[in-house]
Protein backbone atom coordinates (compact mmCIF):
# COMPACT_ATOMS: atom_id res chain seq x y z
CA MET A 1 -0.04 0.06 0.00
CA LEU A 2 2.83 2.33 0.79
CA ALA A 3 4.37 1.63 -2.71
CA SER A 4 1.02 2.68 -4.33
CA ALA A 5 0.95 5.83 -2.47
CA ARG A 6 4.50 6.68 -3.47
CA TRP A 7 3.72 5.91 -7.23
CA VAL A 8 0.55 8.12 -7.18
CA GLY A 9 2.45 11.05 -5.45
CA ALA A 10 5.35 10.69 -8.02
CA ALA A 11 2.92 10.61 -10.93
CA ALA A 12 1.10 13.67 -9.71
CA LEU A 13 4.29 15.65 -9.28
CA THR A 14 5.45 14.65 -12.82
CA ARG A 15 2.29 15.76 -14.59
CA ASP A 16 2.22 19.50 -15.52
CA GLU A 17 -1.54 19.72 -15.62
CA SER A 18 -4.71 18.91 -13.75
CA ARG A 19 -6.07 15.40 -14.36
CA GLY A 20 -8.33 13.15 -12.32
CA LEU A 21 -8.14 13.94 -8.61
CA HIS A 22 -4.91 15.78 -9.06
CA MET A 23 -5.76 19.47 -9.23
CA ARG A 24 -3.04 22.14 -9.80
CA GLU A 25 -3.89 25.75 -8.99
CA ASP A 26 -1.50 27.06 -11.56
CA ARG A 27 -2.85 24.89 -14.36
CA PRO A 28 -6.49 24.07 -13.48
CA LEU A 29 -7.52 22.67 -17.01
CA VAL A 30 -6.83 19.33 -18.61
CA ASP A 31 -4.29 19.55 -21.38
CA PRO A 32 -5.38 17.25 -24.27
CA ALA A 33 -1.80 17.23 -25.61
CA GLN A 34 -0.76 15.32 -22.46
CA ALA A 35 -3.36 12.63 -22.88
CA ARG A 36 -0.88 9.89 -22.52
CA ARG A 37 -0.05 7.31 -20.00
CA LEU A 38 2.44 7.83 -17.20
CA LEU A 39 4.14 4.77 -15.96
CA THR A 40 5.51 4.57 -12.47
CA GLY A 41 7.34 1.84 -10.56
CA GLY A 42 10.16 1.06 -8.29
CA LEU A 43 10.28 0.28 -4.56
CA GLU A 44 13.60 1.62 -3.17
CA GLN A 45 13.86 4.34 -5.95
CA VAL A 46 10.50 5.41 -7.50
CA TRP A 47 10.67 6.23 -11.26
CA THR A 48 8.20 7.85 -13.63
CA ARG A 49 8.26 7.91 -17.43
CA PHE A 50 5.63 8.66 -20.12
CA ASP A 51 4.57 5.82 -22.18
CA HIS A 52 5.51 6.29 -25.89
CA ALA A 53 2.39 4.42 -27.17
CA ILE A 54 0.12 6.50 -29.44
CA SER A 55 -2.86 7.89 -27.42
CA GLN A 56 -6.49 7.89 -28.57
CA THR A 57 -6.15 11.69 -29.19
CA GLN A 58 -3.16 11.05 -31.48
CA LEU A 59 -4.97 8.38 -33.28
CA LYS A 60 -7.94 10.65 -34.00
CA GLU A 61 -5.66 13.36 -35.30
CA VAL A 62 -3.96 10.86 -37.55
CA ALA A 63 -7.35 9.62 -38.88
CA ALA A 64 -8.62 13.07 -39.59
């Protein structure tokens, strides 16, 4: 349970926007350009990185 809390906290600090329950006062809106998965992991050293898979938003832009 502690690991999950650490991953959620690290992911929230990494995102430069408001998303889900994570609300930022300096950026209160969701940024569609950041509609991508953020991967987190690690036990001793928590890491975060954005998944490079194509998001649904990008798929719609390519199809248009």
